[in-house]
Protein backbone atom coordinates (compact mmCIF):
# COMPACT_ATOMS: atom_id res chain seq x y z
CA MET A 1 -11.46 20.28 23.64
CA TYR A 2 -13.29 23.34 23.47
CA GLU A 3 -16.91 24.62 24.99
CA ILE A 4 -18.45 26.54 22.55
CA THR A 5 -22.18 28.09 22.11
CA SER A 6 -23.98 26.10 19.61
CA THR A 7 -27.55 27.50 19.05
CA HIS A 8 -28.04 25.72 16.19
CA HIS A 9 -29.88 23.14 14.16
CA GLN A 10 -27.30 20.55 12.64
CA MET A 11 -26.64 22.55 9.22
CA GLN A 12 -23.76 20.94 7.72
CA TYR A 13 -23.34 17.44 6.55
CA PRO A 14 -20.25 16.86 4.51
CA PHE A 15 -20.65 13.00 4.29
CA ASP A 16 -22.46 12.96 0.54
CA LEU A 17 -19.41 14.42 -0.26
CA PRO A 18 -16.64 12.23 -1.57
CA ARG A 19 -13.86 12.37 1.42
CA GLU A 20 -11.41 13.97 -0.26
CA ASN A 21 -13.25 17.25 -0.58
CA TYR A 22 -13.71 17.61 3.30
CA GLU A 23 -11.66 17.58 6.46
CA ILE A 24 -13.92 17.58 9.59
CA LEU A 25 -11.25 19.53 11.94
CA PHE A 26 -13.74 19.29 14.93
CA TYR A 27 -16.58 17.69 16.14
CA ALA A 28 -19.71 18.13 18.64
CA LYS A 29 -19.09 16.04 21.57
CA GLN A 30 -21.61 16.42 24.04
CA CYS A 31 -23.94 19.07 25.03
CA PRO A 32 -23.07 21.91 26.41
CA MET A 33 -21.15 21.61 23.30
CA THR A 34 -17.94 20.69 23.62
CA ILE A 35 -15.71 20.15 20.39
CA GLN A 36 -12.57 18.26 20.15
CA GLY A 37 -10.03 18.43 17.50
CA ASP A 38 -7.22 20.57 17.44
CA HIS A 39 -5.92 18.14 14.36
CA ILE A 40 -4.90 15.52 16.86
CA ASP A 41 -8.22 13.30 16.21
CA LYS A 42 -9.76 13.74 13.00
CA ARG A 43 -12.03 10.30 13.20
CA VAL A 44 -15.22 11.01 13.39
CA VAL A 45 -17.63 8.10 14.65
CA PHE A 46 -21.13 9.00 13.29
CA GLY A 47 -23.53 10.73 15.68
CA HIS A 48 -20.88 13.20 16.54
CA GLU A 49 -21.98 16.38 14.54
CA PRO A 50 -19.41 18.37 13.01
CA GLU A 51 -18.46 21.79 14.15
CA VAL A 52 -16.06 22.77 12.14
CA VAL A 53 -15.16 21.30 8.60
CA LEU A 54 -12.94 22.90 5.73
CA TYR A 55 -14.53 22.08 2.43
CA LYS A 56 -11.56 22.04 -0.37
CA ILE A 57 -13.60 20.96 -3.28
CA PRO A 58 -11.58 21.06 -6.55
CA ASN A 59 -11.82 24.28 -8.70
CA LYS A 60 -13.45 26.20 -5.78
CA PRO A 61 -12.41 28.25 -2.85
CA ARG A 62 -11.52 26.41 0.20
CA CYS A 63 -14.22 27.01 2.46
CA LEU A 64 -13.88 27.29 6.64
CA ALA A 65 -17.30 26.18 7.73
CA ILE A 66 -17.61 26.89 11.49
CA GLN A 67 -21.02 25.47 13.11
CA GLY A 68 -21.33 27.16 16.70
CA HIS A 69 -21.21 30.53 17.45
CA PRO A 70 -18.01 31.70 18.85
CA GLU A 71 -18.66 35.55 18.13
CA MET A 72 -20.93 34.78 21.33
CA MET A 73 -17.45 34.49 23.34
CA PRO A 74 -15.02 36.80 21.66
CA ASN A 75 -12.21 36.07 24.04
CA SER A 76 -12.29 32.57 24.67
CA PRO A 77 -10.06 29.64 23.78
CA VAL A 78 -12.45 28.33 21.06
CA ALA A 79 -12.75 31.91 19.43
CA LYS A 80 -8.62 32.38 19.65
CA MET A 81 -8.30 28.89 18.26
CA LEU A 82 -10.89 29.55 15.19
CA ASP A 83 -9.51 33.34 14.47
CA LYS A 84 -5.86 31.04 14.38
CA LEU A 85 -8.11 28.54 12.02
CA ILE A 86 -9.47 31.02 9.56
CA LYS A 87 -6.01 32.78 9.50
CA SER A 88 -4.11 29.51 8.63
CA TYR A 89 -6.48 27.92 5.85
CA VAL A 90 -8.60 30.89 4.70
CA THR A 91 -6.44 34.09 4.22
CA GLN A 92 -3.30 32.32 2.65
């Protein structure tokens, strides 16, 4: 679990896409926001808000959508973990 600042209204809802077109890497568990994931538990219980989603739509660039605001916590564990995700999924 990671703490993240989350000053948003829910702005991403991948569930209208076919399941193979997205992967929820982290979801919000509670307020104040904590996110779970780290590739351990990719199950999503409806009602948990997706916080970090990898969109992989055929013939489109991969997109890593980050709901929270890790830039408000630049040296935090969540910011470091998200930097690794960006390098891993986006800059390949």
